[in-house]
Structures are given as structure tokens and as C-alpha cells.
N, C-alpha and C. Protein backbone atom coordinates (compact mmCIF):
# COMPACT_ATOMS: atom_id res chain seq x y z
N UNK A 1 -57.85 -55.69 30.77
CA UNK A 1 -56.95 -56.52 30.02
C UNK A 1 -56.33 -57.16 31.27
N UNK A 2 -56.26 -58.42 31.27
CA UNK A 2 -55.61 -59.73 32.16
C UNK A 2 -54.69 -60.23 31.89
N UNK A 3 -54.05 -60.19 32.87
CA UNK A 3 -52.42 -61.00 32.30
C UNK A 3 -52.26 -62.64 32.35
N UNK A 4 -51.31 -62.61 31.33
CA UNK A 4 -51.25 -64.28 30.94
C UNK A 4 -49.71 -64.69 31.51
N UNK A 5 -49.43 -65.87 31.54
CA UNK A 5 -48.71 -66.35 31.99
C UNK A 5 -47.69 -65.29 31.73
N UNK A 6 -46.04 -64.86 32.59
CA UNK A 6 -45.49 -63.95 32.46
C UNK A 6 -45.04 -64.18 31.01
N UNK A 7 -44.42 -65.11 30.51
CA UNK A 7 -43.80 -65.18 29.00
C UNK A 7 -44.88 -64.71 27.64
N UNK A 8 -45.67 -64.31 28.01
CA UNK A 8 -46.91 -64.12 27.02
C UNK A 8 -47.20 -62.24 27.11
N UNK A 9 -47.52 -61.68 27.59
CA UNK A 9 -47.87 -60.98 27.87
C UNK A 9 -49.44 -60.65 28.56
N UNK A 10 -50.13 -59.83 27.71
CA UNK A 10 -51.30 -59.67 28.41
C UNK A 10 -52.09 -60.48 27.23
N UNK A 11 -53.37 -61.12 27.78
CA UNK A 11 -53.79 -61.30 26.95
C UNK A 11 -54.70 -60.50 26.22
N UNK A 12 -54.84 -60.49 25.25
CA UNK A 12 -55.82 -59.56 23.88
C UNK A 12 -57.50 -59.77 24.50
N UNK A 13 -58.23 -58.66 23.75
CA UNK A 13 -59.64 -58.76 24.31
C UNK A 13 -59.90 -60.12 23.02
N UNK A 14 -61.47 -59.88 23.68
CA UNK A 14 -61.77 -61.49 22.83
C UNK A 14 -61.90 -61.08 21.33
N UNK A 15 -61.95 -59.95 20.63
CA UNK A 15 -62.01 -59.72 19.50
C UNK A 15 -60.24 -59.99 18.54
N UNK A 16 -59.32 -60.23 19.62
CA UNK A 16 -57.99 -59.82 18.78
C UNK A 16 -57.71 -61.00 19.32
N UNK A 17 -57.16 -62.01 18.07
CA UNK A 17 -56.95 -63.46 18.65
C UNK A 17 -55.38 -63.72 18.51
N UNK A 18 -54.98 -64.09 19.40
CA UNK A 18 -53.33 -64.74 19.26
C UNK A 18 -52.92 -65.96 18.77
N UNK A 19 -52.46 -66.05 17.44
CA UNK A 19 -52.67 -67.16 17.05
C UNK A 19 -50.98 -67.71 17.16
N UNK A 20 -50.04 -66.98 17.47
CA UNK A 20 -48.34 -67.65 17.64
C UNK A 20 -48.34 -66.66 19.12
N UNK A 21 -47.34 -66.62 19.64
CA UNK A 21 -46.63 -65.48 20.35
C UNK A 21 -46.83 -63.95 19.70
N UNK A 22 -45.99 -63.83 18.33
CA UNK A 22 -46.20 -62.47 17.54
C UNK A 22 -46.88 -62.67 16.32
N UNK A 23 -47.57 -63.08 16.54
CA UNK A 23 -49.12 -63.10 15.15
C UNK A 23 -50.69 -63.28 15.77
N UNK A 24 -51.10 -61.91 15.12
CA UNK A 24 -52.24 -62.06 15.86
C UNK A 24 -53.46 -61.58 14.46
N UNK A 25 -54.69 -61.57 15.16
CA UNK A 25 -55.52 -61.42 14.03
C UNK A 25 -56.65 -60.69 14.25
N UNK A 26 -57.44 -60.03 13.85
CA UNK A 26 -58.78 -59.17 14.52
C UNK A 26 -59.73 -58.79 13.43
N UNK A 27 -60.88 -58.33 13.93
CA UNK A 27 -61.86 -57.02 13.11
C UNK A 27 -61.25 -55.71 12.72
N UNK A 28 -61.80 -55.22 12.58
CA UNK A 28 -61.67 -53.89 11.96
C UNK A 28 -60.95 -53.24 13.59
N UNK A 29 -59.71 -52.51 13.73
CA UNK A 29 -59.75 -52.06 14.80
C UNK A 29 -60.33 -50.43 15.09
N UNK A 30 -60.66 -50.29 16.08
CA UNK A 30 -61.11 -49.42 16.41
C UNK A 30 -60.00 -48.28 17.20
N UNK A 31 -60.40 -47.00 17.32
CA UNK A 31 -59.46 -45.91 17.75
C UNK A 31 -59.03 -46.41 19.48
N UNK A 32 -59.97 -47.55 20.16
CA UNK A 32 -59.83 -47.65 21.56
C UNK A 32 -59.43 -49.16 21.61
N UNK A 33 -59.05 -49.18 20.59
CA UNK A 33 -58.01 -50.39 20.55
C UNK A 33 -56.36 -50.06 20.59
N UNK A 34 -56.45 -48.96 20.22
CA UNK A 34 -54.72 -48.56 20.04
C UNK A 34 -53.59 -48.87 20.89
N UNK A 35 -54.57 -48.86 22.12
CA UNK A 35 -53.99 -48.77 23.03
C UNK A 35 -53.29 -50.42 23.45
N UNK A 36 -54.34 -51.78 23.47
CA UNK A 36 -54.29 -52.53 23.42
C UNK A 36 -53.14 -53.22 22.40
N UNK A 37 -53.05 -52.85 20.91
CA UNK A 37 -52.48 -53.32 20.28
C UNK A 37 -50.73 -53.03 20.68
N UNK A 38 -50.71 -51.35 21.07
CA UNK A 38 -49.21 -51.36 21.66
C UNK A 38 -48.61 -52.24 22.68
N UNK A 39 -49.45 -52.81 23.67
CA UNK A 39 -49.61 -53.63 24.82
C UNK A 39 -49.30 -54.53 24.12
N UNK A 40 -49.45 -55.32 23.52
CA UNK A 40 -49.60 -56.58 23.04
C UNK A 40 -47.85 -56.90 22.39
N UNK A 41 -47.27 -55.25 21.87
CA UNK A 41 -46.05 -55.65 21.42
C UNK A 41 -45.98 -55.36 19.76
N UNK A 42 -47.24 -54.93 19.23
CA UNK A 42 -47.30 -55.20 18.03
C UNK A 42 -46.50 -54.02 17.65
N UNK A 43 -46.11 -54.50 16.58
CA UNK A 43 -45.21 -53.18 15.87
C UNK A 43 -45.51 -53.19 14.02
N UNK A 44 -46.19 -53.84 13.82
CA UNK A 44 -46.61 -53.94 12.21
C UNK A 44 -48.44 -54.38 12.26
N UNK A 45 -48.92 -53.54 11.92
CA UNK A 45 -50.30 -53.90 11.55
C UNK A 45 -50.35 -53.78 9.94
N UNK A 46 -51.26 -55.14 9.02
CA UNK A 46 -51.05 -55.76 8.02
C UNK A 46 -52.83 -55.59 7.85
N UNK A 47 -53.06 -54.19 6.80
CA UNK A 47 -54.45 -53.86 6.93
C UNK A 47 -55.36 -54.47 5.85
N UNK A 48 -56.06 -54.99 5.64
CA UNK A 48 -56.48 -55.82 4.16
C UNK A 48 -57.96 -55.47 3.72
N UNK A 49 -58.59 -54.67 4.37
CA UNK A 49 -59.69 -53.89 3.87
C UNK A 49 -59.91 -53.08 2.79
N UNK A 50 -60.59 -52.24 2.65
CA UNK A 50 -59.91 -51.01 1.39
C UNK A 50 -60.57 -49.71 2.36
N UNK A 51 -61.11 -49.46 3.14
CA UNK A 51 -60.59 -48.43 4.34
C UNK A 51 -59.87 -48.76 5.61
N UNK A 52 -59.00 -47.52 5.46
CA UNK A 52 -58.18 -47.38 6.80
C UNK A 52 -58.86 -47.22 8.29
N UNK A 53 -58.10 -48.03 8.80
CA UNK A 53 -58.46 -47.84 10.47
C UNK A 53 -57.94 -46.60 10.51
N UNK A 54 -58.12 -46.37 11.75
CA UNK A 54 -58.49 -44.85 12.53
C UNK A 54 -56.65 -44.44 12.82
N UNK A 55 -56.92 -43.13 12.79
CA UNK A 55 -55.09 -43.17 12.43
C UNK A 55 -54.97 -42.91 13.91
N UNK A 56 -55.42 -43.12 15.50
CA UNK A 56 -54.42 -43.59 16.25
C UNK A 56 -53.90 -45.17 16.13
N UNK A 57 -54.69 -46.13 15.68
CA UNK A 57 -54.46 -47.20 15.38
C UNK A 57 -53.11 -47.16 14.92
N UNK A 58 -53.02 -46.61 14.01
CA UNK A 58 -51.90 -46.47 12.82
C UNK A 58 -50.37 -46.03 13.54
N UNK A 59 -50.45 -45.10 14.45
CA UNK A 59 -49.73 -44.65 15.11
C UNK A 59 -48.15 -44.92 15.53
N UNK A 60 -47.27 -44.21 15.48
CA UNK A 60 -45.76 -44.69 15.89
C UNK A 60 -45.86 -45.73 17.32
N UNK A 61 -45.69 -46.31 17.75
CA UNK A 61 -44.15 -47.34 16.73
C UNK A 61 -44.93 -47.88 16.27
N UNK A 62 -46.09 -48.62 15.67
CA UNK A 62 -46.67 -49.64 15.07
C UNK A 62 -46.47 -48.66 13.35
N UNK A 63 -45.64 -49.73 12.53
CA UNK A 63 -46.13 -49.49 11.18
C UNK A 63 -47.14 -50.21 10.40
N UNK A 64 -48.17 -49.86 9.09
CA UNK A 64 -48.64 -50.12 9.17
C UNK A 64 -48.88 -50.19 7.39
N UNK A 65 -49.13 -51.41 6.75
CA UNK A 65 -48.89 -51.01 5.69
C UNK A 65 -50.69 -51.75 5.11
N UNK A 66 -50.92 -51.17 3.86
CA UNK A 66 -52.44 -51.28 3.53
C UNK A 66 -52.33 -52.03 2.43
N UNK A 67 -52.91 -53.22 2.44
CA UNK A 67 -52.82 -54.61 1.49
C UNK A 67 -54.83 -54.35 0.79
N UNK A 68 -54.59 -53.69 0.25
CA UNK A 68 -56.27 -53.21 0.31
C UNK A 68 -56.74 -54.69 -0.85
N UNK A 69 -57.56 -55.82 -0.02
CA UNK A 69 -58.27 -56.21 -0.76
C UNK A 69 -59.53 -56.90 -0.55
N UNK A 70 -60.53 -57.64 -1.57
CA UNK A 70 -61.60 -57.47 -1.47
C UNK A 70 -62.45 -59.14 -1.02
N UNK A 71 -62.84 -59.01 -0.30
CA UNK A 71 -63.40 -60.42 0.23
C UNK A 71 -64.90 -60.93 -0.83
N UNK A 72 -64.37 -61.50 -1.92
CA UNK A 72 -65.23 -62.06 -2.55
C UNK A 72 -64.44 -63.29 -3.66
N UNK A 73 -65.56 -64.25 -4.38
CA UNK A 73 -64.78 -65.19 -4.59
C UNK A 73 -64.53 -64.76 -6.24
N UNK A 74 -65.17 -63.92 -7.01
CA UNK A 74 -65.10 -63.26 -7.92
C UNK A 74 -64.01 -62.55 -8.22
N UNK A 75 -63.27 -62.22 -7.25
CA UNK A 75 -62.12 -61.13 -6.87
C UNK A 75 -61.16 -62.11 -6.30
N UNK A 76 -60.04 -63.17 -6.80
CA UNK A 76 -59.14 -63.72 -5.84
C UNK A 76 -58.19 -62.50 -5.52
N UNK A 77 -57.84 -62.93 -3.80
CA UNK A 77 -56.50 -62.12 -3.70
C UNK A 77 -55.37 -62.08 -4.41
N UNK A 78 -54.77 -61.19 -4.93
CA UNK A 78 -53.35 -61.39 -5.96
C UNK A 78 -52.79 -62.15 -4.80
N UNK A 79 -51.92 -63.38 -5.30
CA UNK A 79 -50.93 -63.86 -4.49
C UNK A 79 -49.41 -62.90 -4.48
N UNK A 80 -49.09 -61.79 -5.27
CA UNK A 80 -48.38 -60.78 -5.03
C UNK A 80 -48.24 -60.14 -3.78
N UNK A 81 -50.05 -59.55 -3.35
CA UNK A 81 -50.33 -59.19 -2.39
C UNK A 81 -50.20 -60.08 -1.00
N UNK A 82 -50.31 -61.13 -0.95
CA UNK A 82 -49.82 -61.99 0.01
C UNK A 82 -49.04 -61.85 0.57
N UNK A 83 -47.59 -62.25 -0.73
CA UNK A 83 -46.73 -62.33 -0.60
C UNK A 83 -46.10 -61.30 0.01
N UNK A 84 -46.29 -59.49 -0.22
CA UNK A 84 -45.62 -58.53 0.25
C UNK A 84 -46.09 -58.12 2.06
N UNK A 85 -47.36 -59.13 2.26
CA UNK A 85 -47.45 -58.68 3.74
C UNK A 85 -46.75 -60.14 4.02
N UNK A 86 -46.41 -61.23 3.74
CA UNK A 86 -45.30 -62.12 4.09
C UNK A 86 -44.23 -61.62 4.45
N UNK A 87 -43.66 -60.89 3.51
CA UNK A 87 -42.20 -60.58 3.46
C UNK A 87 -42.12 -59.05 4.27
N UNK A 88 -43.33 -58.45 4.79
CA UNK A 88 -43.30 -57.57 5.16
C UNK A 88 -43.29 -58.39 6.92
N UNK A 89 -44.05 -58.80 7.51
CA UNK A 89 -44.14 -59.52 8.74
C UNK A 89 -43.11 -60.31 9.20
N UNK A 90 -42.26 -61.42 8.22
CA UNK A 90 -41.26 -61.97 8.91
C UNK A 90 -40.56 -61.55 9.46
N UNK A 91 -39.71 -60.34 9.14
CA UNK A 91 -38.56 -59.34 9.55
C UNK A 91 -38.87 -58.85 11.30
N UNK A 92 -40.29 -58.28 11.31
CA UNK A 92 -41.11 -58.23 12.45
C UNK A 92 -41.03 -59.10 13.84
N UNK A 93 -41.83 -60.17 13.15
CA UNK A 93 -41.90 -61.75 13.90
C UNK A 93 -40.17 -61.67 14.30
N UNK A 94 -39.36 -62.04 13.70
CA UNK A 94 -38.06 -62.23 13.71
C UNK A 94 -37.31 -61.65 14.99
N UNK A 95 -37.54 -60.12 14.36
CA UNK A 95 -37.32 -59.51 15.53
C UNK A 95 -37.95 -59.85 17.24
N UNK A 96 -39.18 -60.45 17.37
CA UNK A 96 -39.24 -60.52 18.41
C UNK A 96 -40.59 -59.66 18.54
N UNK A 97 -41.32 -58.73 17.38
CA UNK A 97 -42.36 -57.70 17.82
C UNK A 97 -43.74 -59.07 17.11
N UNK A 98 -45.05 -57.74 17.61
CA UNK A 98 -46.32 -58.47 17.01
C UNK A 98 -46.15 -58.50 15.49
N UNK A 99 -47.22 -58.95 14.78
CA UNK A 99 -47.66 -58.24 13.78
C UNK A 99 -49.05 -58.60 14.26
N UNK A 100 -50.22 -58.02 14.02
CA UNK A 100 -51.56 -57.93 13.98
C UNK A 100 -51.95 -57.89 12.30
N UNK A 101 -53.37 -58.53 11.72
CA UNK A 101 -53.59 -58.92 10.65
C UNK A 101 -54.67 -58.64 10.97
N UNK A 102 -55.61 -57.79 10.45
CA UNK A 102 -57.07 -57.50 10.32
C UNK A 102 -57.65 -57.30 8.61
N UNK A 103 -59.17 -57.78 9.11
CA UNK A 103 -60.31 -56.67 7.89
C UNK A 103 -61.29 -56.76 8.50
N UNK A 104 -62.29 -56.86 8.03
CA UNK A 104 -63.49 -56.05 8.44
C UNK A 104 -64.31 -56.65 9.38
N UNK A 105 -64.16 -58.51 9.32
CA UNK A 105 -64.61 -59.52 10.28
C UNK A 105 -63.74 -60.06 10.99
N UNK A 106 -62.24 -60.25 10.60
CA UNK A 106 -61.58 -61.40 10.61
C UNK A 106 -61.81 -62.47 10.69
N UNK A 107 -62.43 -62.35 9.59
CA UNK A 107 -62.81 -63.83 9.45
C UNK A 107 -62.08 -65.27 7.97
N UNK A 108 -62.07 -63.72 7.13
CA UNK A 108 -61.36 -64.35 5.73
C UNK A 108 -60.07 -63.92 5.18
N UNK A 109 -60.08 -62.80 5.08
CA UNK A 109 -59.03 -61.73 4.23
C UNK A 109 -57.36 -62.07 5.46
N UNK A 110 -57.87 -61.64 6.64
CA UNK A 110 -57.01 -61.28 7.95
C UNK A 110 -56.71 -62.93 8.16
N UNK A 111 -57.17 -63.84 7.78
CA UNK A 111 -57.25 -65.35 8.29
C UNK A 111 -56.09 -65.96 6.87
N UNK A 112 -56.90 -65.43 5.74
CA UNK A 112 -55.65 -65.85 4.74
C UNK A 112 -54.35 -65.32 4.67
N UNK A 113 -54.14 -63.81 5.00
CA UNK A 113 -53.03 -63.88 5.48
C UNK A 113 -52.05 -63.92 6.68
N UNK A 114 -52.92 -64.39 7.52
CA UNK A 114 -51.92 -65.44 8.81
C UNK A 114 -51.88 -66.69 8.67
N UNK A 115 -52.61 -67.54 7.83
CA UNK A 115 -52.08 -67.98 7.23
C UNK A 115 -50.65 -68.56 6.07
N UNK A 116 -50.76 -67.55 5.58
CA UNK A 116 -49.60 -67.44 5.00
C UNK A 116 -48.47 -66.87 5.13
N UNK A 117 -48.35 -65.75 6.69
CA UNK A 117 -46.81 -66.14 7.23
C UNK A 117 -46.91 -67.31 7.84
N UNK A 118 -47.74 -67.74 8.37
CA UNK A 118 -47.53 -69.01 8.65
C UNK A 118 -46.82 -69.99 8.14
N UNK A 119 -47.05 -69.99 6.77
CA UNK A 119 -46.29 -70.95 5.70
C UNK A 119 -45.14 -70.23 5.43
N UNK A 120 -45.21 -68.83 5.41
CA UNK A 120 -43.58 -68.22 5.35
C UNK A 120 -42.52 -68.74 6.43
N UNK A 121 -43.02 -68.76 7.65
CA UNK A 121 -42.37 -69.15 8.81
C UNK A 121 -42.38 -70.62 8.57
N UNK A 122 -42.91 -71.26 8.25
CA UNK A 122 -42.72 -73.08 7.84
C UNK A 122 -43.43 -74.11 8.25
N UNK A 123 -44.53 -73.22 8.57
CA UNK A 123 -46.13 -74.73 8.27
C UNK A 123 -46.43 -74.64 7.00
N UNK A 124 -46.94 -75.86 6.92
CA UNK A 124 -48.21 -76.40 5.89
C UNK A 124 -48.89 -75.54 5.71
N UNK A 125 -49.73 -75.46 4.49
CA UNK A 125 -50.84 -74.93 4.39
C UNK A 125 -52.24 -75.48 5.35
N UNK A 126 -52.07 -76.44 5.34
CA UNK A 126 -52.98 -77.49 5.85
C UNK A 126 -52.66 -76.90 7.32
N UNK A 127 -51.76 -77.44 8.18
CA UNK A 127 -51.08 -76.90 9.81
C UNK A 127 -51.80 -75.67 9.98
N UNK A 128 -51.26 -74.50 9.12
CA UNK A 128 -51.69 -73.16 9.10
C UNK A 128 -52.93 -73.34 9.52
N UNK A 129 -53.52 -73.89 8.78
CA UNK A 129 -55.47 -73.44 8.55
C UNK A 129 -55.57 -74.14 10.01
N UNK A 130 -55.25 -75.45 10.27
CA UNK A 130 -56.13 -75.88 11.60
C UNK A 130 -55.31 -75.19 12.93
N UNK A 131 -54.12 -74.54 12.62
CA UNK A 131 -53.79 -73.50 13.98
C UNK A 131 -54.44 -72.34 14.08
N UNK A 132 -54.81 -71.68 12.63
CA UNK A 132 -55.75 -70.46 12.64
C UNK A 132 -57.40 -70.76 13.38
N UNK A 133 -57.53 -72.32 13.36
CA UNK A 133 -58.89 -72.78 13.20
C UNK A 133 -58.98 -72.36 15.26
N UNK A 134 -58.38 -73.33 15.25
CA UNK A 134 -57.81 -73.78 16.90
C UNK A 134 -57.77 -72.27 17.20
N UNK A 135 -57.49 -71.43 17.14
CA UNK A 135 -57.04 -69.96 18.33
C UNK A 135 -58.09 -69.22 17.41
N UNK A 136 -58.83 -69.03 16.46
CA UNK A 136 -59.60 -67.85 16.45
C UNK A 136 -61.05 -68.81 15.82
N UNK A 137 -61.91 -68.90 16.92
CA UNK A 137 -63.45 -69.35 16.43
C UNK A 137 -63.85 -68.94 14.78
N UNK A 138 -64.13 -67.96 14.76
CA UNK A 138 -64.88 -67.06 13.43
C UNK A 138 -63.99 -67.18 12.24
N UNK A 139 -62.99 -67.93 12.39
CA UNK A 139 -61.63 -68.23 11.22
C UNK A 139 -62.68 -68.95 10.52
N UNK A 140 -62.46 -68.61 8.94
CA UNK A 140 -63.23 -69.83 8.04
C UNK A 140 -61.67 -69.91 6.71
N UNK A 141 -60.76 -70.36 7.37
CA UNK A 141 -59.98 -70.50 6.35
C UNK A 141 -60.40 -71.60 4.63
N UNK A 142 -61.10 -72.40 5.40
CA UNK A 142 -61.68 -73.88 4.00
C UNK A 142 -62.65 -72.90 3.42
N UNK A 143 -62.93 -72.09 3.37
CA UNK A 143 -64.42 -71.83 2.08
C UNK A 143 -63.66 -71.89 1.03
N UNK A 144 -64.13 -72.34 0.06
CA UNK A 144 -63.18 -72.78 -1.06
C UNK A 144 -62.30 -71.70 -1.97
N UNK A 145 -62.97 -70.72 -1.70
CA UNK A 145 -62.27 -69.51 -2.82
C UNK A 145 -61.09 -69.09 -1.29
N UNK A 146 -61.36 -69.02 -0.68
CA UNK A 146 -59.94 -68.16 0.92
C UNK A 146 -58.84 -69.56 0.51
N UNK A 147 -59.16 -70.62 0.82
CA UNK A 147 -58.43 -71.85 0.90
C UNK A 147 -57.43 -72.30 -0.59
N UNK A 148 -58.13 -71.77 -1.80
CA UNK A 148 -57.10 -71.81 -2.79
C UNK A 148 -56.35 -70.87 -2.82
N UNK A 149 -57.04 -70.16 -2.28
CA UNK A 149 -55.26 -68.75 -2.40
C UNK A 149 -54.36 -68.76 -1.50
N UNK A 150 -54.70 -70.25 -0.19
CA UNK A 150 -53.76 -70.28 0.99
C UNK A 150 -52.88 -71.35 0.06
N UNK A 151 -53.37 -72.22 -0.45
CA UNK A 151 -52.96 -73.70 -1.07
C UNK A 151 -51.89 -72.98 -2.14
N UNK A 152 -52.38 -72.10 -2.72
CA UNK A 152 -51.55 -71.14 -4.50
C UNK A 152 -50.17 -70.39 -3.42
N UNK A 153 -50.81 -69.74 -2.18
CA UNK A 153 -49.59 -69.32 -1.80
C UNK A 153 -48.51 -70.31 -1.66
N UNK A 154 -48.85 -71.63 -0.64
CA UNK A 154 -47.86 -72.44 -0.55
C UNK A 154 -47.31 -72.91 -1.49
N UNK A 155 -47.73 -73.06 -2.69
CA UNK A 155 -46.71 -73.91 -3.76
C UNK A 155 -46.15 -72.59 -4.65
N UNK A 156 -46.26 -70.84 -4.39
CA UNK A 156 -45.73 -70.28 -4.81
C UNK A 156 -44.10 -70.09 -3.68
N UNK A 157 -44.97 -70.07 -2.40
CA UNK A 157 -43.35 -69.62 -1.39
C UNK A 157 -42.57 -70.62 -1.55
N UNK A 158 -43.10 -71.66 -1.59
CA UNK A 158 -41.84 -72.98 -1.76
C UNK A 158 -41.14 -73.18 -2.91
N UNK A 159 -42.02 -72.72 -3.81
CA UNK A 159 -40.69 -73.07 -5.16
C UNK A 159 -39.75 -71.50 -5.27
N UNK A 160 -40.35 -69.92 -4.49
CA UNK A 160 -39.14 -69.67 -4.68
C UNK A 160 -37.85 -69.76 -3.21
N UNK A 161 -38.58 -70.50 -2.43
CA UNK A 161 -38.19 -70.49 -0.90
C UNK A 161 -37.17 -71.82 -0.32
N UNK A 162 -37.99 -72.56 -1.23
CA UNK A 162 -37.79 -74.13 -1.19
C UNK A 162 -38.01 -75.00 0.26
């Protein structure tokens, strides 16, 4: 792993994308990613797929939250699951630590969750999707069924939090 400018810490490997200083998206993390994840100051992993990542990835000081969802237009991600992830992530980010969101490929579910976290941080849905697209080449937040979830989450979040 190479060093970034002093204020940003280590540069993540190619399949871990830094969205903000404290928010990362990746594909399914393997055991060999555990050290890298810790080096990025990640203290919370939001895991979106049905299966659990390797136990080495889930070891302290990293907390792990399993938000089991499927990537299907026929089974939309529940807004309550997205809210649960955002509510877990925001305090970690506020404390200056990192949050890693992953699914299998880092294209849809993790991207939706990252966009929702950004909405919780004050971004609009449009600004969140644009930022994620800029920072993660494979991200696809605008596929219709993912975009709808992000936009619905934004309406729900704004209604609750102003």
C-alpha cells in the first residue's frame, strides 16, 4: 500500500474506493484485506450480501453489521435496512473513524448504502450519486431500482431529520 498525502492516510488498494476521508466502498473483502481495512482506520463494516466476510475481516477493533440484502429489482432493499446502516455509520464517521460498505461486487447494494450515508451527512441524493460515481468507477447508483431506493431514502430521511 502506498502513502497518500499526510492528511489522508494510506491509499486503499484498487478494489477499495475512498468516497470521503471516512467512507469506503468495496467488493466482498477477503482475509487478505483485513490488515488493509484496519490501516485505513475502518472501525465499522456494513456488510450487505447474504454471506459473512471472513472472520479476520470482522475482528476487533472493527465492528461489523450484517445488513443482509439481495441485489434484485424484484426485491427492493428495505428503507429500514438502509436507515439502520446510516444510523450505525454516522457516529463512527463523526468520531473520525472509517466506515467500509461492501456487497459482492461493490456496484449496487454497497453503492446504495454509501449514497444513503452521504444523504445522512447532508448531501442530496443527486450529489451523493455523483460523488460515488466519481470515486468508484464500477459504481452504478443510477440503475433504476437502485436509484429509486436512494431517492426514497432521501425523502424518508429528510422527513425525519429535516
